[in-house]
N, C-alpha and C. Protein backbone atom coordinates (compact mmCIF):
# COMPACT_ATOMS: atom_id res chain seq x y z
N UNK A 1 -3.14 13.98 2.78
CA UNK A 1 -4.05 13.47 1.79
C UNK A 1 -4.44 12.06 2.17
N UNK A 2 -5.72 11.88 2.44
CA UNK A 2 -6.24 10.57 2.77
C UNK A 2 -7.16 10.17 1.63
N UNK A 3 -6.77 9.12 0.89
CA UNK A 3 -7.48 8.81 -0.34
C UNK A 3 -7.65 7.32 -0.53
N UNK A 4 -8.71 6.99 -1.23
CA UNK A 4 -8.95 5.62 -1.63
C UNK A 4 -9.81 4.86 -0.64
N UNK A 5 -10.16 3.66 -1.05
CA UNK A 5 -10.95 2.78 -0.20
C UNK A 5 -10.05 2.15 0.86
N UNK A 6 -10.64 1.91 2.00
CA UNK A 6 -9.88 1.24 3.06
C UNK A 6 -9.78 -0.25 2.76
N UNK A 7 -8.62 -0.85 2.96
CA UNK A 7 -8.47 -2.29 2.69
C UNK A 7 -9.23 -3.11 3.73
N UNK A 8 -9.52 -4.36 3.40
CA UNK A 8 -10.20 -5.25 4.35
C UNK A 8 -9.42 -5.31 5.68
N UNK A 9 -10.16 -5.33 6.75
CA UNK A 9 -9.54 -5.43 8.07
C UNK A 9 -9.25 -4.09 8.72
N UNK A 10 -9.36 -3.01 7.97
CA UNK A 10 -9.15 -1.67 8.52
C UNK A 10 -10.52 -1.08 8.83
N UNK A 11 -10.72 -0.60 10.03
CA UNK A 11 -12.02 -0.09 10.44
C UNK A 11 -12.34 1.24 9.75
N UNK A 12 -13.62 1.54 9.63
CA UNK A 12 -14.07 2.73 8.91
C UNK A 12 -13.67 4.03 9.60
N UNK A 13 -13.22 3.96 10.85
CA UNK A 13 -12.80 5.18 11.55
C UNK A 13 -11.29 5.43 11.42
N UNK A 14 -10.59 4.62 10.63
CA UNK A 14 -9.14 4.76 10.49
C UNK A 14 -8.75 6.14 9.99
N UNK A 15 -9.36 6.58 8.87
CA UNK A 15 -9.07 7.91 8.35
C UNK A 15 -9.45 8.99 9.36
N UNK A 16 -10.54 8.76 10.07
CA UNK A 16 -10.97 9.72 11.10
C UNK A 16 -9.93 9.91 12.18
N UNK A 17 -9.28 8.83 12.56
CA UNK A 17 -8.22 8.92 13.58
C UNK A 17 -7.04 9.73 13.06
N UNK A 18 -6.64 9.47 11.83
CA UNK A 18 -5.52 10.22 11.24
C UNK A 18 -5.92 11.69 11.07
N UNK A 19 -7.12 11.93 10.56
CA UNK A 19 -7.60 13.31 10.38
C UNK A 19 -7.67 14.04 11.72
N UNK A 20 -8.06 13.34 12.78
CA UNK A 20 -8.10 13.94 14.11
C UNK A 20 -6.72 14.39 14.56
N UNK A 21 -5.71 13.58 14.29
CA UNK A 21 -4.33 13.97 14.62
C UNK A 21 -3.89 15.18 13.81
N UNK A 22 -4.27 15.20 12.54
CA UNK A 22 -3.94 16.36 11.70
C UNK A 22 -4.57 17.62 12.30
N UNK A 23 -5.85 17.55 12.61
CA UNK A 23 -6.57 18.69 13.17
C UNK A 23 -5.93 19.14 14.49
N UNK A 24 -5.59 18.18 15.32
CA UNK A 24 -4.97 18.46 16.62
C UNK A 24 -3.67 19.23 16.48
N UNK A 25 -2.94 18.98 15.40
CA UNK A 25 -1.64 19.63 15.18
C UNK A 25 -1.69 20.76 14.14
N UNK A 26 -2.90 21.15 13.75
CA UNK A 26 -3.05 22.27 12.82
C UNK A 26 -2.61 21.97 11.40
N UNK A 27 -2.67 20.71 11.00
CA UNK A 27 -2.26 20.30 9.67
C UNK A 27 -3.50 20.14 8.78
N UNK A 28 -3.63 20.95 7.73
CA UNK A 28 -4.78 20.78 6.82
C UNK A 28 -4.71 19.41 6.15
N UNK A 29 -5.86 18.82 5.88
CA UNK A 29 -5.88 17.52 5.22
C UNK A 29 -6.97 17.48 4.17
N UNK A 30 -6.78 16.60 3.21
CA UNK A 30 -7.71 16.40 2.11
C UNK A 30 -8.26 14.99 2.21
N UNK A 31 -9.56 14.86 2.00
CA UNK A 31 -10.21 13.55 1.98
C UNK A 31 -10.69 13.25 0.57
N UNK A 32 -10.23 12.15 0.00
CA UNK A 32 -10.72 11.71 -1.31
C UNK A 32 -11.10 10.25 -1.18
N UNK A 33 -12.20 10.03 -0.50
CA UNK A 33 -12.73 8.70 -0.28
C UNK A 33 -14.25 8.82 -0.25
N UNK A 34 -14.93 7.76 0.13
CA UNK A 34 -16.39 7.82 0.13
C UNK A 34 -16.94 7.05 1.34
N UNK A 35 -18.25 7.06 1.47
CA UNK A 35 -18.92 6.31 2.52
C UNK A 35 -18.55 6.76 3.92
N UNK A 36 -18.56 5.79 4.83
CA UNK A 36 -18.27 6.09 6.24
C UNK A 36 -16.88 6.67 6.45
N UNK A 37 -15.92 6.21 5.66
CA UNK A 37 -14.56 6.73 5.79
C UNK A 37 -14.55 8.24 5.59
N UNK A 38 -15.41 8.74 4.71
CA UNK A 38 -15.53 10.19 4.50
C UNK A 38 -16.38 10.84 5.58
N UNK A 39 -17.56 10.30 5.82
CA UNK A 39 -18.48 10.94 6.76
C UNK A 39 -17.90 11.00 8.17
N UNK A 40 -17.03 10.07 8.51
CA UNK A 40 -16.40 10.08 9.85
C UNK A 40 -15.39 11.21 10.02
N UNK A 41 -15.07 11.93 8.95
CA UNK A 41 -14.07 13.00 9.06
C UNK A 41 -14.63 14.40 8.80
N UNK A 42 -15.85 14.50 8.33
CA UNK A 42 -16.40 15.80 7.94
C UNK A 42 -16.39 16.82 9.07
N UNK A 43 -16.70 16.38 10.29
CA UNK A 43 -16.72 17.31 11.44
C UNK A 43 -15.34 17.87 11.76
N UNK A 44 -14.29 17.25 11.23
CA UNK A 44 -12.92 17.71 11.47
C UNK A 44 -12.49 18.76 10.45
N UNK A 45 -13.40 19.14 9.56
CA UNK A 45 -13.21 20.22 8.60
C UNK A 45 -12.03 20.00 7.64
N UNK A 46 -12.12 18.96 6.80
CA UNK A 46 -11.07 18.78 5.80
C UNK A 46 -10.94 20.01 4.91
N UNK A 47 -9.74 20.27 4.43
CA UNK A 47 -9.51 21.39 3.52
C UNK A 47 -10.27 21.17 2.21
N UNK A 48 -10.29 19.93 1.73
CA UNK A 48 -10.93 19.62 0.46
C UNK A 48 -11.47 18.21 0.48
N UNK A 49 -12.66 18.06 -0.10
CA UNK A 49 -13.17 16.73 -0.44
C UNK A 49 -13.63 16.79 -1.89
N UNK A 50 -13.59 15.65 -2.59
CA UNK A 50 -13.90 15.64 -4.01
C UNK A 50 -14.76 14.44 -4.40
N UNK A 51 -16.03 14.46 -4.02
CA UNK A 51 -16.88 13.37 -4.49
C UNK A 51 -17.30 13.61 -5.94
N UNK A 52 -17.53 12.53 -6.67
CA UNK A 52 -18.19 12.71 -7.96
C UNK A 52 -19.69 12.74 -7.70
N UNK A 53 -20.49 12.99 -8.72
CA UNK A 53 -21.92 13.17 -8.49
C UNK A 53 -22.56 11.90 -7.93
N UNK A 54 -22.06 10.72 -8.29
CA UNK A 54 -22.62 9.47 -7.77
C UNK A 54 -22.29 9.30 -6.29
N UNK A 55 -21.03 9.58 -5.93
CA UNK A 55 -20.64 9.49 -4.52
C UNK A 55 -21.39 10.51 -3.67
N UNK A 56 -21.61 11.72 -4.22
CA UNK A 56 -22.37 12.73 -3.51
C UNK A 56 -23.79 12.24 -3.26
N UNK A 57 -24.41 11.66 -4.27
CA UNK A 57 -25.74 11.10 -4.12
C UNK A 57 -25.80 10.01 -3.07
N UNK A 58 -24.79 9.15 -3.05
CA UNK A 58 -24.75 8.06 -2.06
C UNK A 58 -24.70 8.61 -0.63
N UNK A 59 -24.00 9.73 -0.43
CA UNK A 59 -23.92 10.32 0.91
C UNK A 59 -25.28 10.76 1.44
N UNK A 60 -26.19 11.10 0.51
CA UNK A 60 -27.53 11.57 0.91
C UNK A 60 -28.64 10.61 0.48
N UNK A 61 -28.25 9.43 0.00
CA UNK A 61 -29.20 8.40 -0.42
C UNK A 61 -30.18 8.92 -1.47
N UNK A 62 -29.63 9.64 -2.47
CA UNK A 62 -30.43 10.16 -3.58
C UNK A 62 -29.66 9.92 -4.88
N UNK A 63 -30.36 10.03 -6.00
CA UNK A 63 -29.69 9.99 -7.30
C UNK A 63 -29.61 11.42 -7.82
N UNK A 64 -28.42 11.88 -8.09
CA UNK A 64 -28.21 13.24 -8.59
C UNK A 64 -28.15 13.18 -10.11
N UNK A 65 -29.11 13.87 -10.75
CA UNK A 65 -29.22 13.80 -12.20
C UNK A 65 -29.06 15.14 -12.90
N UNK A 66 -28.79 16.20 -12.14
CA UNK A 66 -28.63 17.51 -12.77
C UNK A 66 -27.58 18.33 -12.03
N UNK A 67 -27.10 19.36 -12.69
CA UNK A 67 -26.15 20.27 -12.06
C UNK A 67 -26.80 20.96 -10.87
N UNK A 68 -28.07 21.34 -11.01
CA UNK A 68 -28.79 22.01 -9.91
C UNK A 68 -28.85 21.12 -8.68
N UNK A 69 -29.12 19.83 -8.86
CA UNK A 69 -29.15 18.90 -7.72
C UNK A 69 -27.75 18.75 -7.12
N UNK A 70 -26.73 18.72 -7.96
CA UNK A 70 -25.36 18.62 -7.45
C UNK A 70 -25.00 19.85 -6.62
N UNK A 71 -25.45 21.03 -7.05
CA UNK A 71 -25.22 22.25 -6.26
C UNK A 71 -25.93 22.14 -4.92
N UNK A 72 -27.20 21.74 -4.94
CA UNK A 72 -27.98 21.63 -3.71
C UNK A 72 -27.32 20.69 -2.70
N UNK A 73 -26.95 19.50 -3.14
CA UNK A 73 -26.37 18.53 -2.22
C UNK A 73 -24.90 18.85 -1.90
N UNK A 74 -24.22 19.50 -2.82
CA UNK A 74 -22.86 19.96 -2.51
C UNK A 74 -22.86 20.98 -1.39
N UNK A 75 -23.85 21.88 -1.40
CA UNK A 75 -23.97 22.86 -0.32
C UNK A 75 -24.33 22.19 1.01
N UNK A 76 -25.17 21.17 0.94
CA UNK A 76 -25.50 20.42 2.17
C UNK A 76 -24.25 19.74 2.72
N UNK A 77 -23.43 19.24 1.83
CA UNK A 77 -22.19 18.59 2.25
C UNK A 77 -21.23 19.61 2.85
N UNK A 78 -21.12 20.78 2.23
CA UNK A 78 -20.27 21.85 2.76
C UNK A 78 -20.69 22.22 4.18
N UNK A 79 -21.98 22.25 4.44
CA UNK A 79 -22.49 22.61 5.77
C UNK A 79 -22.08 21.60 6.83
N UNK A 80 -21.65 20.42 6.41
CA UNK A 80 -21.24 19.39 7.37
C UNK A 80 -19.77 19.50 7.79
N UNK A 81 -19.03 20.51 7.21
CA UNK A 81 -17.69 20.73 7.73
C UNK A 81 -16.56 21.06 6.80
N UNK A 82 -16.47 20.47 5.59
CA UNK A 82 -15.29 20.74 4.77
C UNK A 82 -15.20 22.20 4.35
N UNK A 83 -13.97 22.65 4.07
CA UNK A 83 -13.75 24.02 3.60
C UNK A 83 -14.06 24.17 2.12
N UNK A 84 -13.72 23.16 1.33
CA UNK A 84 -13.93 23.18 -0.11
C UNK A 84 -14.48 21.82 -0.55
N UNK A 85 -15.49 21.87 -1.41
CA UNK A 85 -16.06 20.66 -2.00
C UNK A 85 -15.97 20.81 -3.51
N UNK A 86 -15.31 19.86 -4.16
CA UNK A 86 -15.32 19.81 -5.62
C UNK A 86 -16.15 18.59 -6.00
N UNK A 87 -17.19 18.82 -6.79
CA UNK A 87 -18.04 17.74 -7.28
C UNK A 87 -17.75 17.58 -8.76
N UNK A 88 -17.20 16.44 -9.12
CA UNK A 88 -16.95 16.19 -10.54
C UNK A 88 -18.21 15.62 -11.17
N UNK A 89 -18.54 16.16 -12.34
CA UNK A 89 -19.77 15.80 -13.04
C UNK A 89 -19.48 15.12 -14.37
N UNK A 90 -18.30 14.54 -14.50
CA UNK A 90 -17.92 13.87 -15.75
C UNK A 90 -17.86 14.87 -16.89
N UNK A 91 -18.49 14.53 -18.00
CA UNK A 91 -18.45 15.40 -19.18
C UNK A 91 -19.25 16.69 -19.00
N UNK A 92 -20.02 16.78 -17.92
CA UNK A 92 -20.81 17.99 -17.64
C UNK A 92 -20.00 19.06 -16.91
N UNK A 93 -18.76 18.77 -16.54
CA UNK A 93 -17.93 19.76 -15.86
C UNK A 93 -17.73 19.43 -14.39
N UNK A 94 -17.59 20.47 -13.59
CA UNK A 94 -17.36 20.28 -12.16
C UNK A 94 -17.81 21.52 -11.41
N UNK A 95 -18.04 21.34 -10.12
CA UNK A 95 -18.43 22.43 -9.23
C UNK A 95 -17.41 22.58 -8.13
N UNK A 96 -17.15 23.81 -7.72
CA UNK A 96 -16.38 24.11 -6.51
C UNK A 96 -17.33 24.86 -5.60
N UNK A 97 -17.52 24.34 -4.41
CA UNK A 97 -18.42 24.96 -3.45
C UNK A 97 -17.62 25.22 -2.18
N UNK A 98 -17.63 26.49 -1.74
CA UNK A 98 -16.97 26.87 -0.50
C UNK A 98 -17.66 28.10 0.07
N UNK A 99 -17.09 28.68 1.11
CA UNK A 99 -17.74 29.83 1.76
C UNK A 99 -17.86 31.04 0.84
N UNK A 100 -17.07 31.07 -0.24
CA UNK A 100 -17.14 32.17 -1.20
C UNK A 100 -18.33 32.02 -2.14
N UNK A 101 -18.88 30.82 -2.22
CA UNK A 101 -20.01 30.56 -3.10
C UNK A 101 -19.78 29.29 -3.91
N UNK A 102 -20.42 29.25 -5.05
CA UNK A 102 -20.33 28.10 -5.94
C UNK A 102 -19.72 28.54 -7.26
N UNK A 103 -18.81 27.75 -7.77
CA UNK A 103 -18.22 28.02 -9.08
C UNK A 103 -18.42 26.79 -9.95
N UNK A 104 -18.60 27.04 -11.23
CA UNK A 104 -18.77 25.98 -12.21
C UNK A 104 -17.64 26.06 -13.23
N UNK A 105 -17.12 24.91 -13.64
CA UNK A 105 -16.11 24.85 -14.70
C UNK A 105 -16.52 23.81 -15.72
N UNK A 106 -16.37 24.16 -16.99
CA UNK A 106 -16.57 23.20 -18.06
C UNK A 106 -15.34 22.30 -18.14
N UNK A 107 -15.47 21.23 -18.88
CA UNK A 107 -14.29 20.41 -19.17
C UNK A 107 -13.86 20.71 -20.61
N UNK A 108 -12.57 20.69 -20.87
CA UNK A 108 -12.10 20.98 -22.23
C UNK A 108 -12.46 19.83 -23.18
N UNK A 109 -12.35 20.11 -24.46
CA UNK A 109 -12.62 19.08 -25.46
C UNK A 109 -11.42 18.16 -25.57
N UNK A 110 -11.72 16.88 -25.71
CA UNK A 110 -10.66 15.89 -25.86
C UNK A 110 -11.26 14.51 -25.89
N UNK A 111 -10.45 13.56 -26.26
CA UNK A 111 -10.90 12.17 -26.34
C UNK A 111 -10.56 11.44 -25.04
N UNK A 112 -11.59 10.92 -24.39
CA UNK A 112 -11.38 10.15 -23.16
C UNK A 112 -10.65 8.87 -23.51
N UNK A 113 -9.46 8.72 -22.94
CA UNK A 113 -8.67 7.51 -23.18
C UNK A 113 -8.63 6.62 -21.96
N UNK A 114 -8.56 7.26 -20.78
CA UNK A 114 -8.44 6.47 -19.56
C UNK A 114 -8.78 7.38 -18.37
N UNK A 115 -9.85 7.07 -17.68
CA UNK A 115 -10.25 7.93 -16.56
C UNK A 115 -9.54 7.57 -15.25
N UNK A 116 -8.78 6.49 -15.24
CA UNK A 116 -8.07 6.09 -14.03
C UNK A 116 -7.03 7.16 -13.66
N UNK A 117 -7.14 7.69 -12.48
CA UNK A 117 -6.20 8.71 -12.02
C UNK A 117 -6.63 10.13 -12.33
N UNK A 118 -7.73 10.31 -13.08
CA UNK A 118 -8.16 11.66 -13.43
C UNK A 118 -8.60 12.43 -12.19
N UNK A 119 -9.34 11.80 -11.31
CA UNK A 119 -9.76 12.46 -10.07
C UNK A 119 -8.59 12.80 -9.17
N UNK A 120 -7.64 11.88 -9.09
CA UNK A 120 -6.43 12.14 -8.29
C UNK A 120 -5.65 13.30 -8.87
N UNK A 121 -5.58 13.37 -10.21
CA UNK A 121 -4.87 14.47 -10.86
C UNK A 121 -5.58 15.79 -10.63
N UNK A 122 -6.93 15.77 -10.62
CA UNK A 122 -7.69 16.97 -10.33
C UNK A 122 -7.33 17.50 -8.93
N UNK A 123 -7.34 16.61 -7.95
CA UNK A 123 -7.00 17.01 -6.58
C UNK A 123 -5.56 17.52 -6.49
N UNK A 124 -4.64 16.81 -7.12
CA UNK A 124 -3.23 17.21 -7.08
C UNK A 124 -3.04 18.57 -7.75
N UNK A 125 -3.70 18.78 -8.90
CA UNK A 125 -3.60 20.06 -9.59
C UNK A 125 -4.17 21.20 -8.76
N UNK A 126 -5.33 20.97 -8.14
CA UNK A 126 -5.93 21.99 -7.27
C UNK A 126 -4.97 22.35 -6.14
N UNK A 127 -4.47 21.33 -5.48
CA UNK A 127 -3.58 21.55 -4.34
C UNK A 127 -2.29 22.26 -4.75
N UNK A 128 -1.69 21.85 -5.86
CA UNK A 128 -0.45 22.48 -6.32
C UNK A 128 -0.66 23.96 -6.60
N UNK A 129 -1.73 24.28 -7.32
CA UNK A 129 -2.00 25.67 -7.66
C UNK A 129 -2.38 26.49 -6.43
N UNK A 130 -3.23 25.91 -5.57
CA UNK A 130 -3.66 26.66 -4.38
C UNK A 130 -2.47 26.93 -3.46
N UNK A 131 -1.60 25.95 -3.32
CA UNK A 131 -0.41 26.12 -2.48
C UNK A 131 0.47 27.24 -3.02
N UNK A 132 0.58 27.33 -4.34
CA UNK A 132 1.44 28.33 -4.95
C UNK A 132 0.80 29.72 -4.97
N UNK A 133 -0.50 29.80 -5.26
CA UNK A 133 -1.13 31.10 -5.49
C UNK A 133 -2.20 31.50 -4.47
N UNK A 134 -2.77 30.53 -3.76
CA UNK A 134 -3.79 30.83 -2.76
C UNK A 134 -5.12 31.29 -3.33
N UNK A 135 -5.36 31.06 -4.62
CA UNK A 135 -6.59 31.49 -5.27
C UNK A 135 -7.44 30.27 -5.59
N UNK A 136 -8.62 30.18 -4.99
CA UNK A 136 -9.44 28.98 -5.16
C UNK A 136 -9.93 28.79 -6.59
N UNK A 137 -10.29 29.85 -7.29
CA UNK A 137 -10.79 29.71 -8.66
C UNK A 137 -9.68 29.31 -9.62
N UNK A 138 -8.52 29.90 -9.45
CA UNK A 138 -7.37 29.53 -10.27
C UNK A 138 -6.98 28.08 -10.00
N UNK A 139 -7.01 27.68 -8.74
CA UNK A 139 -6.69 26.29 -8.38
C UNK A 139 -7.72 25.33 -8.97
N UNK A 140 -8.98 25.72 -8.96
CA UNK A 140 -10.05 24.91 -9.53
C UNK A 140 -9.82 24.71 -11.03
N UNK A 141 -9.51 25.77 -11.73
CA UNK A 141 -9.24 25.70 -13.17
C UNK A 141 -8.05 24.77 -13.44
N UNK A 142 -6.99 24.94 -12.65
CA UNK A 142 -5.80 24.12 -12.85
C UNK A 142 -6.10 22.65 -12.54
N UNK A 143 -6.88 22.41 -11.51
CA UNK A 143 -7.26 21.04 -11.18
C UNK A 143 -8.06 20.38 -12.29
N UNK A 144 -9.01 21.12 -12.87
CA UNK A 144 -9.79 20.59 -13.99
C UNK A 144 -8.87 20.27 -15.17
N UNK A 145 -7.92 21.15 -15.45
CA UNK A 145 -6.97 20.91 -16.54
C UNK A 145 -6.13 19.67 -16.26
N UNK A 146 -5.68 19.50 -15.04
CA UNK A 146 -4.85 18.33 -14.70
C UNK A 146 -5.66 17.04 -14.81
N UNK A 147 -6.88 17.05 -14.29
CA UNK A 147 -7.73 15.86 -14.38
C UNK A 147 -8.05 15.51 -15.82
N UNK A 148 -8.35 16.53 -16.61
CA UNK A 148 -8.67 16.30 -18.02
C UNK A 148 -7.44 15.81 -18.78
N UNK A 149 -6.28 16.38 -18.49
CA UNK A 149 -5.04 15.96 -19.17
C UNK A 149 -4.77 14.48 -18.91
N UNK A 150 -5.05 14.02 -17.71
CA UNK A 150 -4.88 12.59 -17.42
C UNK A 150 -5.91 11.77 -18.18
N UNK A 151 -7.17 12.22 -18.17
CA UNK A 151 -8.24 11.47 -18.84
C UNK A 151 -8.00 11.38 -20.35
N UNK A 152 -7.33 12.38 -20.92
CA UNK A 152 -7.10 12.41 -22.37
C UNK A 152 -5.80 11.72 -22.77
N UNK A 153 -5.11 11.10 -21.83
CA UNK A 153 -3.84 10.44 -22.16
C UNK A 153 -3.88 8.98 -21.73
N UNK A 154 -2.86 8.25 -22.11
CA UNK A 154 -2.76 6.85 -21.70
C UNK A 154 -2.00 6.71 -20.40
N UNK A 155 -1.53 7.82 -19.87
CA UNK A 155 -0.75 7.83 -18.64
C UNK A 155 -1.23 9.01 -17.81
N UNK A 156 -0.44 9.44 -16.86
CA UNK A 156 -0.80 10.61 -16.06
C UNK A 156 -0.52 11.88 -16.85
N UNK A 157 -1.10 12.97 -16.41
CA UNK A 157 -0.96 14.25 -17.10
C UNK A 157 0.49 14.74 -17.10
N UNK A 158 0.76 15.64 -18.04
CA UNK A 158 2.03 16.34 -18.07
C UNK A 158 1.75 17.83 -17.97
N UNK A 159 2.73 18.59 -17.51
CA UNK A 159 2.56 20.04 -17.40
C UNK A 159 2.25 20.65 -18.76
N UNK A 160 2.88 20.16 -19.80
CA UNK A 160 2.65 20.69 -21.14
C UNK A 160 1.19 20.52 -21.55
N UNK A 161 0.62 19.36 -21.28
CA UNK A 161 -0.78 19.12 -21.64
C UNK A 161 -1.71 19.97 -20.78
N UNK A 162 -1.40 20.10 -19.51
CA UNK A 162 -2.20 20.95 -18.62
C UNK A 162 -2.21 22.38 -19.15
N UNK A 163 -1.02 22.91 -19.47
CA UNK A 163 -0.92 24.28 -19.96
C UNK A 163 -1.69 24.47 -21.27
N UNK A 164 -1.74 23.44 -22.10
CA UNK A 164 -2.47 23.51 -23.36
C UNK A 164 -3.98 23.55 -23.12
N UNK A 165 -4.45 22.85 -22.10
CA UNK A 165 -5.88 22.77 -21.82
C UNK A 165 -6.42 23.95 -21.02
N UNK A 166 -5.58 24.59 -20.23
CA UNK A 166 -6.03 25.68 -19.35
C UNK A 166 -6.89 26.74 -20.05
N UNK A 167 -6.51 27.24 -21.21
CA UNK A 167 -7.32 28.29 -21.85
C UNK A 167 -8.72 27.83 -22.26
N UNK A 168 -8.93 26.52 -22.36
CA UNK A 168 -10.24 25.99 -22.76
C UNK A 168 -11.22 25.90 -21.60
N UNK A 169 -10.73 26.12 -20.38
CA UNK A 169 -11.57 25.93 -19.20
C UNK A 169 -12.04 27.27 -18.67
N UNK A 170 -13.34 27.45 -18.65
CA UNK A 170 -13.94 28.68 -18.14
C UNK A 170 -14.53 28.39 -16.77
N UNK A 171 -14.18 29.22 -15.81
CA UNK A 171 -14.70 29.10 -14.45
C UNK A 171 -15.61 30.29 -14.21
N UNK A 172 -16.83 30.00 -13.78
CA UNK A 172 -17.80 31.05 -13.47
C UNK A 172 -18.20 30.93 -12.00
N UNK A 173 -18.16 32.05 -11.29
CA UNK A 173 -18.61 32.04 -9.90
C UNK A 173 -20.12 32.27 -9.89
N UNK A 174 -20.85 31.35 -9.26
CA UNK A 174 -22.29 31.51 -9.05
C UNK A 174 -22.48 31.77 -7.58
N UNK A 175 -23.38 32.62 -7.19
CA UNK A 175 -23.63 32.86 -5.76
C UNK A 175 -25.06 32.76 -5.40
């Protein structure tokens, strides 16, 4: 998992070098960063990347204002190498785009208390579920529940809160 902004003094190809070593040794990797640090790794086929709609727009120098535009640019991003792209759309839900197609998930109802760590929780939830079950849609649903559980709390999510939110999340496969 390569995540976050690179600190001052670290070159933009740093994550690319680490991702290259992962690829060389057959180790799947996840990228949760933006800008050059992300684009320098796309050709190495990360297992998952998770831009939000603003970061996705920045990658293509456009403003994404609709779910349809997010689907369009998410597919363009998928064509550049990653296996799975999750685009978070805030209160509008999220998209999972991969070779199986596009899936949309709503976000459950709740009071936003703190969005810090919500994206990280989404990625962690997706990875935990996918590792256990190998089902991309189930992992997507679990990731949305984990991210939402963090956003609805003053701290990080708990399994109890995730389990409570899961039934509220509907995942639809669009093709």
